[in-house]
Amino acid sequence: VRESLDGLETRLGDAGFIRVHRGALVRGDAVRGLERRESALVARLADGTTVEVSRRAAPHLRRALGVRR
């Protein structure tokens, strides 16, 4: 993909994609859970994949998913 992640985030935001890390976007409805692993927060996706969530993106992701701390 030659498009920057910032560009993809802008273009796909209305389709439900959320920036969870400097190098990762996820589809919000694919997130099945949030887990704490060591010192990192991890999003577990519908297909079993896990994606690390940055400290900066965690509050935004929680709000988007309607999850409280």
C-alpha atoms as a PDB file:
ATOM      1  CA  VAL A   1       0.000   0.000   0.000  1.00  0.00           C
ATOM      2  CA  ARG A   2       1.485   3.310  -1.008  1.00  0.00           C
ATOM      3  CA  GLU A   3      -0.973   5.453   0.919  1.00  0.00           C
ATOM      4  CA  SER A   4       0.099   6.654   4.357  1.00  0.00           C
ATOM      5  CA  LEU A   5      -1.652   5.319   7.428  1.00  0.00           C
ATOM      6  CA  ASP A   6      -2.796   8.870   8.165  1.00  0.00           C
ATOM      7  CA  GLY A   7      -4.464   8.967   4.749  1.00  0.00           C
ATOM      8  CA  LEU A   8      -6.094   5.589   5.273  1.00  0.00           C
ATOM      9  CA  GLU A   9      -7.297   6.635   8.715  1.00  0.00           C
ATOM     10  CA  THR A  10      -8.931   9.731   7.255  1.00  0.00           C
ATOM     11  CA  ARG A  11     -10.475   7.834   4.366  1.00  0.00           C
ATOM     12  CA  LEU A  12     -11.647   4.803   6.374  1.00  0.00           C
ATOM     13  CA  GLY A  13     -12.696   6.508   9.607  1.00  0.00           C
ATOM     14  CA  ASP A  14     -16.308   6.791   8.467  1.00  0.00           C
ATOM     15  CA  ALA A  15     -16.278   3.053   7.703  1.00  0.00           C
ATOM     16  CA  GLY A  16     -15.557   2.273  11.351  1.00  0.00           C
ATOM     17  CA  PHE A  17     -11.770   1.930  11.305  1.00  0.00           C
ATOM     18  CA  ILE A  18      -9.928   3.147  14.395  1.00  0.00           C
ATOM     19  CA  ARG A  19      -6.235   3.962  14.808  1.00  0.00           C
ATOM     20  CA  VAL A  20      -4.966   1.844  17.698  1.00  0.00           C
ATOM     21  CA  HIS A  21      -1.250   2.263  17.274  1.00  0.00           C
ATOM     22  CA  ARG A  22       1.224   4.228  15.212  1.00  0.00           C
ATOM     23  CA  GLY A  23       1.250   1.410  12.679  1.00  0.00           C
ATOM     24  CA  ALA A  24      -2.208  -0.134  12.999  1.00  0.00           C
ATOM     25  CA  LEU A  25      -5.841   0.500  12.126  1.00  0.00           C
ATOM     26  CA  VAL A  26      -8.582  -1.926  13.122  1.00  0.00           C
ATOM     27  CA  ARG A  27     -12.239  -2.176  12.233  1.00  0.00           C
ATOM     28  CA  GLY A  28     -14.110  -1.261  15.410  1.00  0.00           C
ATOM     29  CA  ASP A  29     -16.742  -3.964  15.008  1.00  0.00           C
ATOM     30  CA  ALA A  30     -14.015  -6.617  14.728  1.00  0.00           C
ATOM     31  CA  VAL A  31     -12.718  -5.914  18.255  1.00  0.00           C
ATOM     32  CA  ARG A  32     -13.946  -8.675  20.567  1.00  0.00           C
ATOM     33  CA  GLY A  33     -12.099  -7.640  23.681  1.00  0.00           C
ATOM     34  CA  LEU A  34      -9.330  -5.672  25.299  1.00  0.00           C
ATOM     35  CA  GLU A  35      -6.711  -7.465  27.359  1.00  0.00           C
ATOM     36  CA  ARG A  36      -3.867  -6.278  29.534  1.00  0.00           C
ATOM     37  CA  ARG A  37      -0.649  -8.134  28.709  1.00  0.00           C
ATOM     38  CA  GLU A  38       2.383  -7.228  30.768  1.00  0.00           C
ATOM     39  CA  SER A  39       2.451  -3.437  30.436  1.00  0.00           C
ATOM     40  CA  ALA A  40       0.545  -3.245  27.136  1.00  0.00           C
ATOM     41  CA  LEU A  41      -3.115  -3.132  26.203  1.00  0.00           C
ATOM     42  CA  VAL A  42      -4.020  -5.538  23.403  1.00  0.00           C
ATOM     43  CA  ALA A  43      -7.140  -5.638  21.225  1.00  0.00           C
ATOM     44  CA  ARG A  44      -8.378  -9.155  20.431  1.00  0.00           C
ATOM     45  CA  LEU A  45     -10.071  -9.272  17.016  1.00  0.00           C
ATOM     46  CA  ALA A  46     -12.818 -11.551  15.705  1.00  0.00           C
ATOM     47  CA  ASP A  47     -10.341 -13.696  13.750  1.00  0.00           C
ATOM     48  CA  GLY A  48      -8.165 -14.264  16.829  1.00  0.00           C
ATOM     49  CA  THR A  49      -5.522 -11.746  15.843  1.00  0.00           C
ATOM     50  CA  THR A  50      -4.200  -9.475  18.580  1.00  0.00           C
ATOM     51  CA  VAL A  51      -3.026  -5.923  18.014  1.00  0.00           C
ATOM     52  CA  GLU A  52      -1.151  -3.811  20.534  1.00  0.00           C
ATOM     53  CA  VAL A  53      -2.945  -0.592  21.487  1.00  0.00           C
ATOM     54  CA  SER A  54      -0.796   2.421  22.280  1.00  0.00           C
ATOM     55  CA  ARG A  55      -1.294   4.347  25.513  1.00  0.00           C
ATOM     56  CA  ARG A  56      -2.259   7.366  23.455  1.00  0.00           C
ATOM     57  CA  ALA A  57      -4.891   5.500  21.416  1.00  0.00           C
ATOM     58  CA  ALA A  58      -6.375   3.510  24.315  1.00  0.00           C
ATOM     59  CA  PRO A  59      -8.793   6.211  25.564  1.00  0.00           C
ATOM     60  CA  HIS A  60     -10.055   6.863  22.022  1.00  0.00           C
ATOM     61  CA  LEU A  61     -10.561   3.141  21.385  1.00  0.00           C
ATOM     62  CA  ARG A  62     -12.388   2.659  24.682  1.00  0.00           C
ATOM     63  CA  ARG A  63     -14.715   5.583  23.885  1.00  0.00           C
ATOM     64  CA  ALA A  64     -15.358   4.272  20.375  1.00  0.00           C
ATOM     65  CA  LEU A  65     -16.231   0.845  21.769  1.00  0.00           C
ATOM     66  CA  GLY A  66     -18.240   2.228  24.690  1.00  0.00           C
ATOM     67  CA  VAL A  67     -15.938   0.526  27.193  1.00  0.00           C
ATOM     68  CA  ARG A  68     -15.144   1.975  30.583  1.00  0.00           C
ATOM     69  CA  ARG A  69     -11.847   1.436  32.261  1.00  0.00           C
END
